[in-house]
Amino acid sequence: MTHRIVIEPIALKVLSEITDRRVQGAIRDRIDGLAHDPGLQGKPLVGELRGYRSLRAAGQRYRIIYRVEKSKTLVLVVSLGIRREGDRQDVYALAKKLLRLGLV
């Protein structure tokens, strides 16, 4: 079964700001790959991000955070970025902030 992929505007903005076209292409390829069996890819997240999954991309440096809506055969990419543990710009910290603000 093929899923439709929807990328939130904030994730599109982050993707467009990546200057290295090879990295940008690698991330796009990983996102496109989510159309087939997205529930088997990535790892399930816990805590505030329960219900979302994380997928590594571009040499394991970037993370793609997404949610699978099986009833709509939809994959919703809510955030992507670099894992920077302890930093305000950490992709997981940004995703939690978006959820708290109700932006996703």
Protein backbone atom coordinates (compact mmCIF):
# COMPACT_ATOMS: atom_id res chain seq x y z
CA MET A 1 0.00 0.00 0.00
CA THR A 2 1.34 3.41 -0.95
CA HIS A 3 0.99 6.29 1.48
CA ARG A 4 0.64 9.93 0.52
CA ILE A 5 3.36 12.13 2.03
CA VAL A 6 2.60 15.57 3.44
CA ILE A 7 5.43 17.79 4.67
CA GLU A 8 4.58 20.51 7.18
CA PRO A 9 5.65 24.05 6.14
CA ILE A 10 8.21 24.30 8.96
CA ALA A 11 9.90 21.09 7.76
CA LEU A 12 9.88 22.37 4.16
CA LYS A 13 11.53 25.58 5.33
CA VAL A 14 14.30 23.68 7.13
CA LEU A 15 14.81 21.47 4.07
CA SER A 16 15.06 24.45 1.73
CA GLU A 17 17.65 26.12 4.00
CA ILE A 18 20.08 23.19 3.67
CA THR A 19 22.74 24.51 1.32
CA ASP A 20 24.41 21.22 0.43
CA ARG A 21 22.34 19.82 -2.46
CA ARG A 22 23.61 16.27 -1.90
CA VAL A 23 22.39 16.31 1.71
CA GLN A 24 19.10 17.87 0.63
CA GLY A 25 18.69 15.17 -2.02
CA ALA A 26 19.47 12.39 0.45
CA ILE A 27 16.83 13.71 2.85
CA ARG A 28 14.27 13.99 0.04
CA ASP A 29 15.02 10.40 -1.00
CA ARG A 30 14.44 9.17 2.58
CA ILE A 31 11.16 11.11 2.76
CA ASP A 32 10.05 9.68 -0.61
CA GLY A 33 10.88 6.20 0.72
CA LEU A 34 8.29 6.66 3.47
CA ALA A 35 5.54 6.11 0.89
CA HIS A 36 6.04 2.35 1.26
CA ASP A 37 5.78 0.72 4.71
CA PRO A 38 6.41 3.84 6.84
CA GLY A 39 5.48 1.96 10.01
CA LEU A 40 8.41 -0.40 9.53
CA GLN A 41 10.96 2.40 9.05
CA GLY A 42 12.52 4.56 11.72
CA LYS A 43 12.00 4.07 15.41
CA PRO A 44 8.98 4.89 17.54
CA LEU A 45 9.42 7.86 19.85
CA VAL A 46 8.35 8.04 23.51
CA GLY A 47 7.25 10.71 25.95
CA GLU A 48 5.82 13.88 24.45
CA LEU A 49 6.52 12.57 20.95
CA ARG A 50 4.60 9.30 21.45
CA GLY A 51 2.86 8.38 18.20
CA TYR A 52 5.66 9.80 16.06
CA ARG A 53 8.63 8.04 14.51
CA SER A 54 12.20 9.15 13.82
CA LEU A 55 14.17 8.23 10.72
CA ARG A 56 17.86 8.92 10.20
CA ALA A 57 18.97 10.53 6.95
CA ALA A 58 22.05 11.96 5.21
CA GLY A 59 24.80 9.97 6.85
CA GLN A 60 22.92 9.50 10.14
CA ARG A 61 23.29 13.21 10.98
CA TYR A 62 19.78 14.42 10.20
CA ARG A 63 16.51 13.15 11.64
CA ILE A 64 13.09 13.13 10.02
CA ILE A 65 10.21 13.12 12.51
CA TYR A 66 6.93 11.88 11.11
CA ARG A 67 3.55 10.40 12.01
CA VAL A 68 1.72 7.67 10.11
CA GLU A 69 -2.05 8.05 9.80
CA LYS A 70 -3.16 4.60 8.67
CA SER A 71 -6.83 5.49 8.24
CA LYS A 72 -5.92 8.15 5.67
CA THR A 73 -2.89 6.29 4.24
CA LEU A 74 -0.93 9.43 5.02
CA VAL A 75 2.59 10.14 6.27
CA LEU A 76 2.90 13.56 7.91
CA VAL A 77 6.49 14.85 8.15
CA VAL A 78 6.38 17.36 11.02
CA SER A 79 10.04 18.22 11.53
CA LEU A 80 13.52 17.52 10.33
CA GLY A 81 16.95 18.67 11.33
CA ILE A 82 20.22 17.82 13.00
CA ARG A 83 20.37 15.95 16.30
CA ARG A 84 22.10 18.31 18.75
CA GLU A 85 21.54 16.89 22.20
CA GLY A 86 21.16 19.61 24.83
CA ASP A 87 20.86 22.39 22.24
CA ARG A 88 17.75 24.51 21.68
CA GLN A 89 18.05 23.77 17.95
CA ASP A 90 17.89 19.99 18.52
CA VAL A 91 15.35 18.45 16.13
CA TYR A 92 13.54 16.66 18.97
CA ALA A 93 13.33 19.84 21.09
CA LEU A 94 11.87 21.71 18.10
CA ALA A 95 9.30 18.96 17.45
CA LYS A 96 8.19 19.04 21.11
CA LYS A 97 7.85 22.81 20.94
CA LEU A 98 5.71 22.57 17.79
CA LEU A 99 3.45 20.05 19.51
CA ARG A 100 3.10 22.18 22.65
CA LEU A 101 2.17 25.21 20.55
CA GLY A 102 -0.35 23.15 18.58
CA LEU A 103 1.34 23.86 15.26
CA VAL A 104 1.22 20.20 14.19
